[in-house]
Each structure stands twice: as structure tokens, then as C-alpha cells.
Amino acid sequence: METLQPGQVIDNYHIERELGSGGFGSVYQAVHGQIGRRVALNDHPPEGGGFG
């Protein structure tokens, strides 16, 4: 699984940092580029179906 990096943009969400990781993938803090809302993005392993 590819690790996301700070500064990377995924669907208008700017990755700020990794919050943690475990058996179900990694969780990243991100901010929406248009509205400025902070969110947590969960990056599942490939068999988990992508972002959720």
C-alpha cells in the first residue's frame, strides 16, 4: 500500500499528516481545499476498497 505524504492532494483534500495506522490501514489529517474543513481520511488496504 502506498503511503500518503503531507502536501499530497486527494480529491481536493490536502494531506497534512498521518494520525495513525493499524490493521485496517492508515488515518490522515487533511483539509478540504475549497471550504477549509479539517477531516480524517482513512486509507484502507486495497482489499478494503479505497478511501472511506
N, C-alpha and C. Protein backbone atom coordinates (compact mmCIF):
# COMPACT_ATOMS: atom_id res chain seq x y z
N MET A 1 0.85 -1.18 0.00
CA MET A 1 0.00 0.00 0.00
C MET A 1 0.90 1.24 0.00
N GLU A 2 0.58 2.19 -0.85
CA GLU A 2 1.33 3.43 -0.95
C GLU A 2 0.97 4.35 0.22
N THR A 3 2.01 4.95 0.83
CA THR A 3 1.80 5.87 1.94
C THR A 3 1.55 7.26 1.39
N LEU A 4 0.53 7.95 1.91
CA LEU A 4 0.26 9.32 1.51
C LEU A 4 1.26 10.23 2.19
N GLN A 5 1.57 11.35 1.57
CA GLN A 5 2.57 12.27 2.07
C GLN A 5 1.95 13.64 2.34
N PRO A 6 2.45 14.35 3.37
CA PRO A 6 2.00 15.73 3.60
C PRO A 6 2.16 16.55 2.32
N GLY A 7 1.15 17.34 2.01
CA GLY A 7 1.17 18.16 0.80
C GLY A 7 0.50 17.50 -0.39
N GLN A 8 0.32 16.18 -0.34
CA GLN A 8 -0.34 15.47 -1.43
C GLN A 8 -1.82 15.83 -1.44
N VAL A 9 -2.43 15.90 -2.64
CA VAL A 9 -3.85 16.24 -2.76
C VAL A 9 -4.60 15.02 -3.30
N ILE A 10 -5.66 14.64 -2.57
CA ILE A 10 -6.52 13.53 -2.96
C ILE A 10 -7.95 14.06 -3.00
N ASP A 11 -8.55 14.10 -4.20
CA ASP A 11 -9.95 14.57 -4.35
C ASP A 11 -10.20 15.88 -3.61
N ASN A 12 -9.34 16.87 -3.80
CA ASN A 12 -9.45 18.21 -3.22
C ASN A 12 -9.15 18.26 -1.72
N TYR A 13 -8.69 17.15 -1.13
CA TYR A 13 -8.26 17.13 0.27
C TYR A 13 -6.74 17.18 0.31
N HIS A 14 -6.20 18.15 1.01
CA HIS A 14 -4.75 18.32 1.15
C HIS A 14 -4.29 17.57 2.39
N ILE A 15 -3.46 16.56 2.20
CA ILE A 15 -2.97 15.76 3.31
C ILE A 15 -2.03 16.61 4.16
N GLU A 16 -2.29 16.64 5.48
CA GLU A 16 -1.44 17.40 6.39
C GLU A 16 -0.47 16.50 7.15
N ARG A 17 -0.98 15.36 7.66
CA ARG A 17 -0.11 14.45 8.40
C ARG A 17 -0.82 13.13 8.65
N GLU A 18 -0.04 12.10 8.99
CA GLU A 18 -0.60 10.81 9.36
C GLU A 18 -0.94 10.85 10.85
N LEU A 19 -2.14 10.41 11.18
CA LEU A 19 -2.56 10.37 12.58
C LEU A 19 -2.27 9.02 13.22
N GLY A 20 -2.29 7.96 12.43
CA GLY A 20 -2.02 6.63 12.97
C GLY A 20 -2.26 5.57 11.92
N SER A 21 -1.86 4.33 12.25
CA SER A 21 -2.07 3.22 11.31
C SER A 21 -2.25 1.93 12.10
N GLY A 22 -2.82 0.94 11.44
CA GLY A 22 -3.06 -0.34 12.07
C GLY A 22 -3.52 -1.35 11.04
N GLY A 23 -4.21 -2.37 11.50
CA GLY A 23 -4.66 -3.46 10.65
C GLY A 23 -5.65 -3.05 9.57
N PHE A 24 -6.35 -1.95 9.76
CA PHE A 24 -7.34 -1.51 8.78
C PHE A 24 -6.83 -0.36 7.93
N GLY A 25 -5.53 -0.11 7.91
CA GLY A 25 -4.95 0.94 7.09
C GLY A 25 -4.43 2.10 7.92
N SER A 26 -4.33 3.26 7.30
CA SER A 26 -3.81 4.46 7.95
C SER A 26 -4.86 5.56 7.96
N VAL A 27 -4.75 6.45 8.94
CA VAL A 27 -5.66 7.59 9.06
C VAL A 27 -4.83 8.85 8.96
N TYR A 28 -5.30 9.78 8.11
CA TYR A 28 -4.57 11.02 7.86
C TYR A 28 -5.43 12.23 8.19
N GLN A 29 -4.81 13.27 8.68
CA GLN A 29 -5.48 14.57 8.84
C GLN A 29 -5.34 15.29 7.53
N ALA A 30 -6.46 15.83 7.04
CA ALA A 30 -6.46 16.54 5.77
C ALA A 30 -7.39 17.75 5.89
N VAL A 31 -7.25 18.68 4.95
CA VAL A 31 -8.12 19.85 4.92
C VAL A 31 -8.68 19.98 3.51
N HIS A 32 -9.99 20.26 3.41
CA HIS A 32 -10.64 20.43 2.12
C HIS A 32 -10.17 21.74 1.49
N GLY A 33 -9.73 21.70 0.26
CA GLY A 33 -9.14 22.86 -0.41
C GLY A 33 -10.08 24.03 -0.65
N GLN A 34 -11.39 23.80 -0.76
CA GLN A 34 -12.32 24.88 -1.05
C GLN A 34 -13.00 25.45 0.18
N ILE A 35 -13.37 24.58 1.11
CA ILE A 35 -14.12 25.07 2.28
C ILE A 35 -13.27 25.15 3.55
N GLY A 36 -12.06 24.61 3.51
CA GLY A 36 -11.14 24.71 4.64
C GLY A 36 -11.48 23.82 5.83
N ARG A 37 -12.38 22.87 5.66
CA ARG A 37 -12.76 21.99 6.77
C ARG A 37 -11.72 20.89 6.95
N ARG A 38 -11.31 20.67 8.21
CA ARG A 38 -10.38 19.58 8.54
C ARG A 38 -11.16 18.29 8.70
N VAL A 39 -10.59 17.21 8.18
CA VAL A 39 -11.22 15.89 8.25
C VAL A 39 -10.15 14.84 8.52
N ALA A 40 -10.61 13.64 8.85
CA ALA A 40 -9.73 12.48 8.95
C ALA A 40 -10.06 11.57 7.77
N LEU A 41 -9.04 11.20 7.00
CA LEU A 41 -9.22 10.28 5.87
C LEU A 41 -8.64 8.93 6.25
N ASN A 42 -9.41 7.88 6.01
CA ASN A 42 -8.97 6.53 6.30
C ASN A 42 -8.56 5.87 4.99
N ASP A 43 -7.31 5.49 4.88
CA ASP A 43 -6.76 4.83 3.70
C ASP A 43 -6.75 3.33 3.96
N HIS A 44 -7.76 2.61 3.42
CA HIS A 44 -7.88 1.17 3.63
C HIS A 44 -6.89 0.41 2.76
N PRO A 45 -6.50 -0.79 3.16
CA PRO A 45 -5.71 -1.65 2.28
C PRO A 45 -6.49 -1.92 0.99
N PRO A 46 -5.81 -2.29 -0.10
CA PRO A 46 -6.50 -2.49 -1.39
C PRO A 46 -7.73 -3.39 -1.31
N GLU A 47 -7.70 -4.45 -0.52
CA GLU A 47 -8.86 -5.32 -0.42
C GLU A 47 -10.01 -4.66 0.36
N GLY A 48 -9.75 -3.51 1.01
CA GLY A 48 -10.77 -2.79 1.76
C GLY A 48 -11.57 -1.83 0.91
N GLY A 49 -11.15 -1.54 -0.33
CA GLY A 49 -11.96 -0.75 -1.22
C GLY A 49 -11.61 0.73 -1.31
N GLY A 50 -10.43 1.16 -0.91
CA GLY A 50 -10.03 2.56 -1.11
C GLY A 50 -10.41 3.44 0.06
N PHE A 51 -10.58 4.72 -0.21
CA PHE A 51 -10.87 5.70 0.84
C PHE A 51 -12.29 5.53 1.34
N GLY A 52 -12.46 5.77 2.65
CA GLY A 52 -13.78 5.63 3.23
C GLY A 52 -14.07 6.75 4.19
